Amino acid sequence: MPADVREEITDLDQSAALEEAIGRSFLRIEHVTNLEAVALFAELRARLGRGESACLVLAHEYGWSVASDEKGRFRREAEKRIGR
């Protein structure tokens, strides 16, 4: 899970559930760090939110899938970047 998504969570119950999942090693926090990934993040950020952009960057970088309830622009970018 991108650190940017973690930072967007404001609901206390959701935050507690997330921290529990991290503590139990069901999820881990990932950071966008390499130069190409940061450049892609900046490009996507012009059209999408922080969390959505970070998810797509990590999926693109590592060949991962993304689960999201976002539609429209996010879906088009996901299909373009990761083909799913």
Protein backbone atom coordinates (compact mmCIF):
# COMPACT_ATOMS: atom_id res chain seq x y z
CA MET A 1 0.00 0.00 0.00
CA PRO A 2 1.43 3.39 -0.93
CA ALA A 3 2.29 5.71 1.93
CA ASP A 4 0.26 8.39 0.11
CA VAL A 5 -2.92 6.33 0.54
CA ARG A 6 -2.23 5.84 4.24
CA GLU A 7 -1.87 9.61 4.68
CA GLU A 8 -5.24 10.25 2.98
CA ILE A 9 -7.24 8.17 5.47
CA THR A 10 -9.09 10.43 7.90
CA ASP A 11 -11.73 8.07 9.29
CA LEU A 12 -10.51 6.86 12.70
CA ASP A 13 -12.02 3.38 12.36
CA GLN A 14 -10.48 2.90 8.91
CA SER A 15 -7.14 4.17 10.15
CA ALA A 16 -7.22 1.76 13.10
CA ALA A 17 -8.11 -1.17 10.83
CA LEU A 18 -5.29 -0.24 8.48
CA GLU A 19 -2.75 0.01 11.28
CA GLU A 20 -3.88 -3.38 12.59
CA ALA A 21 -3.46 -4.92 9.12
CA ILE A 22 0.03 -3.41 8.88
CA GLY A 23 0.91 -4.60 12.38
CA ARG A 24 -0.22 -8.13 11.50
CA SER A 25 1.79 -8.02 8.24
CA PHE A 26 -1.29 -8.31 6.02
CA LEU A 27 -0.21 -5.06 4.35
CA ARG A 28 3.03 -3.17 4.12
CA ILE A 29 3.73 0.46 3.31
CA GLU A 30 5.58 1.18 0.07
CA HIS A 31 7.20 4.42 -1.06
CA VAL A 32 7.74 5.81 -4.54
CA THR A 33 11.50 6.35 -4.61
CA ASN A 34 13.25 5.84 -7.94
CA LEU A 35 13.56 8.76 -10.35
CA GLU A 36 11.42 7.25 -13.12
CA ALA A 37 8.66 6.40 -10.65
CA VAL A 38 8.75 9.90 -9.17
CA ALA A 39 8.48 11.38 -12.68
CA LEU A 40 5.47 9.17 -13.46
CA PHE A 41 3.93 10.14 -10.11
CA ALA A 42 4.28 13.83 -11.03
CA GLU A 43 2.73 13.21 -14.45
CA LEU A 44 -0.24 11.32 -13.01
CA ARG A 45 -0.64 13.79 -10.15
CA ALA A 46 -1.60 16.45 -12.70
CA ARG A 47 -4.74 14.41 -13.41
CA LEU A 48 -5.36 12.23 -10.34
CA GLY A 49 -5.23 12.39 -6.56
CA ARG A 50 -2.12 11.53 -4.53
CA GLY A 51 -3.26 8.08 -3.47
CA GLU A 52 -4.53 7.09 -6.89
CA SER A 53 -1.32 8.29 -8.53
CA ALA A 54 0.87 6.40 -6.07
CA CYS A 55 -1.14 3.19 -6.55
CA LEU A 56 -0.72 3.33 -10.30
CA VAL A 57 2.99 4.11 -10.06
CA LEU A 58 3.67 1.15 -7.77
CA ALA A 59 1.51 -1.18 -9.86
CA HIS A 60 3.36 -0.07 -13.00
CA GLU A 61 6.77 -0.34 -11.34
CA TYR A 62 6.28 -3.79 -9.78
CA GLY A 63 3.75 -5.39 -12.14
CA TRP A 64 1.06 -5.37 -9.45
CA SER A 65 -2.71 -5.12 -9.82
CA VAL A 66 -4.80 -2.33 -8.35
CA ALA A 67 -8.19 -2.62 -6.66
CA SER A 68 -10.13 0.62 -6.67
CA ASP A 69 -13.65 1.98 -6.67
CA GLU A 70 -12.51 4.93 -8.77
CA LYS A 71 -13.85 5.24 -12.31
CA GLY A 72 -13.36 7.50 -15.28
CA ARG A 73 -9.94 9.04 -15.45
CA PHE A 74 -8.38 6.59 -12.98
CA ARG A 75 -9.66 3.58 -14.89
CA ARG A 76 -8.36 4.94 -18.20
CA GLU A 77 -4.93 5.59 -16.66
CA ALA A 78 -4.88 2.13 -15.06
CA GLU A 79 -5.67 0.46 -18.38
CA LYS A 80 -3.03 2.55 -20.11
CA ARG A 81 -0.30 2.04 -17.47
CA ILE A 82 -0.89 -1.51 -16.25
CA GLY A 83 -3.35 -2.96 -18.74
CA ARG A 84 -5.98 -3.97 -16.21
